[in-house]
Protein backbone atom coordinates (compact mmCIF):
# COMPACT_ATOMS: atom_id res chain seq x y z
CA MET A 1 -41.92 158.41 -32.81
CA ASP A 2 -44.43 156.05 -34.46
CA THR A 3 -43.66 156.76 -38.12
CA ALA A 4 -46.87 155.18 -39.45
CA ALA A 5 -49.07 157.20 -37.08
CA TYR A 6 -47.13 160.39 -37.85
CA LEU A 7 -47.49 159.93 -41.61
CA ARG A 8 -51.13 158.86 -41.29
CA SER A 9 -51.90 162.08 -39.42
CA HIS A 10 -50.68 164.02 -42.47
CA ILE A 11 -52.74 162.15 -45.08
CA ARG A 12 -55.92 164.00 -45.95
CA THR A 13 -59.14 162.06 -46.50
CA VAL A 14 -61.45 163.58 -49.11
CA PRO A 15 -64.93 162.04 -48.85
CA ASP A 16 -66.96 161.17 -51.95
CA TRP A 17 -64.15 161.79 -54.42
CA PRO A 18 -63.92 160.89 -57.27
CA ALA A 19 -67.28 159.18 -56.74
CA PRO A 20 -69.89 158.95 -53.97
CA GLY A 21 -68.83 156.57 -51.20
CA VAL A 22 -65.11 156.74 -51.99
CA GLN A 23 -62.78 158.00 -49.26
CA PHE A 24 -59.84 159.41 -51.28
CA ARG A 25 -56.51 159.25 -49.42
CA ASP A 26 -54.63 162.39 -50.47
CA ILE A 27 -50.85 162.28 -49.94
CA THR A 28 -50.14 165.86 -51.03
CA PRO A 29 -49.92 167.11 -47.40
CA LEU A 30 -47.03 164.63 -46.93
CA LEU A 31 -45.17 166.38 -49.72
CA GLN A 32 -45.96 169.97 -48.73
CA ASP A 33 -44.30 169.98 -45.31
CA PRO A 34 -40.51 169.53 -45.55
CA LYS A 35 -40.24 167.75 -42.19
CA VAL A 36 -43.02 165.29 -43.02
CA PHE A 37 -41.60 164.72 -46.51
CA ARG A 38 -38.18 163.94 -44.98
CA VAL A 39 -39.73 161.44 -42.53
CA LEU A 40 -41.56 159.78 -45.45
CA ILE A 41 -38.48 159.49 -47.65
CA ASP A 42 -36.26 158.39 -44.75
CA ALA A 43 -38.67 155.56 -43.92
CA PHE A 44 -38.06 154.09 -47.38
CA VAL A 45 -34.36 154.96 -47.64
CA HIS A 46 -33.44 153.44 -44.28
CA ARG A 47 -35.15 150.18 -45.26
CA TYR A 48 -33.43 149.92 -48.64
CA MET A 49 -29.96 150.93 -47.45
CA ASP A 50 -29.76 147.44 -45.93
CA ARG A 51 -27.43 145.45 -48.20
CA ALA A 52 -29.90 142.55 -48.51
CA LEU A 53 -32.72 144.88 -49.67
CA ARG A 54 -30.70 147.37 -51.71
CA PRO A 55 -31.99 147.57 -55.31
CA ASP A 56 -29.95 148.15 -58.46
CA VAL A 57 -32.66 150.52 -59.72
CA VAL A 58 -35.93 152.05 -58.53
CA ALA A 59 -38.96 152.01 -60.84
CA GLY A 60 -41.78 154.46 -60.14
CA LEU A 61 -45.35 154.14 -61.33
CA ASP A 62 -47.04 157.08 -63.07
CA ALA A 63 -47.41 159.60 -61.54
CA ARG A 64 -47.04 159.86 -57.76
CA GLY A 65 -44.61 156.93 -57.76
CA PHE A 66 -42.29 159.26 -59.70
CA ILE A 67 -42.19 161.74 -56.81
CA ILE A 68 -41.33 159.20 -54.13
CA GLY A 69 -39.30 156.81 -56.29
CA SER A 70 -36.99 159.38 -57.82
CA VAL A 71 -36.06 160.84 -54.43
CA VAL A 72 -35.52 157.37 -52.93
CA ALA A 73 -33.32 156.40 -55.90
CA TYR A 74 -31.30 159.60 -55.51
CA GLU A 75 -30.78 158.99 -51.79
CA LEU A 76 -29.73 155.38 -52.43
CA GLY A 77 -27.37 156.36 -55.25
CA VAL A 78 -29.12 154.17 -57.83
CA GLY A 79 -30.92 154.90 -61.09
CA PHE A 80 -34.61 155.66 -61.51
CA VAL A 81 -36.90 154.51 -64.33
CA PRO A 82 -40.44 155.75 -64.92
CA ILE A 83 -43.28 153.41 -65.81
CA ARG A 84 -45.63 155.70 -67.71
CA LYS A 85 -49.14 155.75 -69.02
CA LYS A 86 -49.38 154.66 -72.67
CA GLY A 87 -48.17 157.17 -75.23
CA LYS A 88 -45.89 159.21 -72.95
CA LEU A 89 -42.49 157.60 -73.63
CA PRO A 90 -40.59 158.61 -76.79
CA PHE A 91 -38.40 155.51 -77.33
CA THR A 92 -39.17 151.84 -78.04
CA THR A 93 -41.38 150.43 -75.29
CA VAL A 94 -42.97 147.31 -73.89
CA GLU A 95 -46.51 147.64 -72.59
CA GLU A 96 -48.89 145.94 -70.21
CA THR A 97 -52.66 146.41 -70.04
CA TYR A 98 -54.54 145.86 -66.80
CA GLU A 99 -58.13 146.03 -65.62
CA LEU A 100 -59.60 148.84 -63.57
CA GLU A 101 -62.97 148.99 -61.85
CA TYR A 102 -64.24 151.12 -64.74
CA GLY A 103 -62.33 149.73 -67.75
CA SER A 104 -58.69 149.14 -68.53
CA ALA A 105 -55.41 151.06 -68.70
CA THR A 106 -52.01 150.48 -70.25
CA VAL A 107 -48.57 151.34 -68.90
CA GLU A 108 -45.27 151.34 -70.77
CA LEU A 109 -41.57 151.07 -70.06
CA HIS A 110 -38.60 151.80 -72.32
CA THR A 111 -37.02 148.57 -73.55
CA ASP A 112 -33.61 149.67 -72.27
CA ALA A 113 -34.84 150.82 -68.83
CA VAL A 114 -33.47 147.78 -66.98
CA ARG A 115 -31.09 144.94 -67.73
CA PRO A 116 -31.66 141.23 -67.22
CA GLY A 117 -30.85 140.37 -63.63
CA ASP A 118 -31.35 143.90 -62.25
CA ARG A 119 -32.92 143.93 -58.79
CA VAL A 120 -35.73 146.48 -58.92
CA LEU A 121 -37.69 148.24 -56.22
CA LEU A 122 -41.14 149.08 -57.64
CA ILE A 123 -42.75 152.05 -55.90
CA ASP A 124 -46.08 153.86 -55.93
CA ASP A 125 -48.07 156.04 -53.57
CA LEU A 126 -50.97 153.68 -52.90
CA ILE A 127 -52.06 150.07 -53.36
CA ALA A 128 -55.80 149.70 -53.95
CA THR A 129 -56.73 146.82 -56.30
CA GLY A 130 -53.07 146.17 -57.14
CA GLY A 131 -53.56 146.39 -60.91
CA THR A 132 -51.04 149.12 -61.60
CA MET A 133 -48.30 147.56 -59.48
CA MET A 134 -48.94 144.13 -61.01
CA ALA A 135 -48.65 145.62 -64.51
CA GLY A 136 -45.38 147.30 -63.53
CA LYS A 137 -44.05 144.02 -62.15
CA LYS A 138 -44.92 142.22 -65.40
CA LEU A 139 -43.24 144.91 -67.52
CA LEU A 140 -40.01 144.73 -65.54
CA GLU A 141 -40.02 140.93 -65.68
CA LYS A 142 -40.55 141.01 -69.49
CA LEU A 143 -37.17 142.75 -69.66
CA GLY A 144 -35.52 140.15 -67.41
CA ALA A 145 -35.38 142.17 -64.19
CA THR A 146 -36.33 140.82 -60.78
CA VAL A 147 -38.81 142.90 -58.82
CA MET A 148 -37.40 142.37 -55.34
CA GLU A 149 -40.18 144.27 -53.57
CA GLY A 150 -43.14 146.55 -54.14
CA ALA A 151 -43.41 149.59 -51.89
CA ALA A 152 -46.13 152.14 -51.26
CA ILE A 153 -47.02 154.78 -48.74
CA VAL A 154 -50.61 153.60 -48.31
CA THR A 155 -52.44 150.30 -48.65
CA LEU A 156 -56.21 149.85 -48.73
CA PRO A 157 -56.44 146.16 -47.73
CA GLU A 158 -60.22 145.87 -48.16
CA LEU A 159 -59.81 146.36 -51.91
CA GLY A 160 -57.68 143.20 -52.11
CA GLY A 161 -54.67 144.53 -54.00
CA GLU A 162 -52.15 143.80 -51.29
CA GLN A 163 -53.33 140.18 -51.06
CA ARG A 164 -53.33 139.74 -54.88
CA LEU A 165 -49.79 141.07 -55.16
CA ARG A 166 -48.50 138.86 -52.35
CA GLU A 167 -50.22 135.82 -53.90
CA ALA A 168 -48.42 136.68 -57.17
CA GLY A 169 -45.12 136.41 -55.28
CA LEU A 170 -44.38 140.11 -54.79
CA PRO A 171 -43.10 141.00 -51.32
CA LEU A 172 -44.59 144.32 -50.19
CA PHE A 173 -43.57 147.13 -47.87
CA THR A 174 -46.16 149.77 -46.96
CA LEU A 175 -46.14 152.47 -44.32
CA VAL A 176 -49.82 153.20 -43.62
CA SER A 177 -52.95 151.06 -43.84
CA PHE A 178 -56.44 152.51 -44.11
CA ALA A 179 -59.61 150.50 -43.58
CA GLY A 180 -62.35 151.14 -46.11
CA HIS A 181 -62.13 152.66 -49.56
């Protein structure tokens, strides 16, 4: 079975959402079907079970990175830490602001979420411009962790995020690539 093609066939494209001309890649069908969800999770778990790629902790980006990242962490037997939108975490945090096409956003991480030297897998559902994943990488590095790899279900290479992240020294693993926005 071609895993990428199988997963791609279960990603819904919603035209003109949230704005005209945008082709929104909706991953919810991947989550709704238990067989497809298992194939998705197994694709990540099998990669990171390899001793050389095994993280100490998985960090998931708000919000769909929580769904994938927490299950992957559970299957690997490692901890999970959420990187949340500003104002959602109750304890002392570090924050990172990044630019979006339409403004800026800020994400936060608890100051005790990782330890210096931890090897972290940073996971999200999709890489578009790369801003969210780059902010997550910077947060984890502020606390002394090493982001060993960034992972996502989907990449949209035409938006340049994958290239920006690689140029910043972040190895990436993605399962499905879509041309266009």
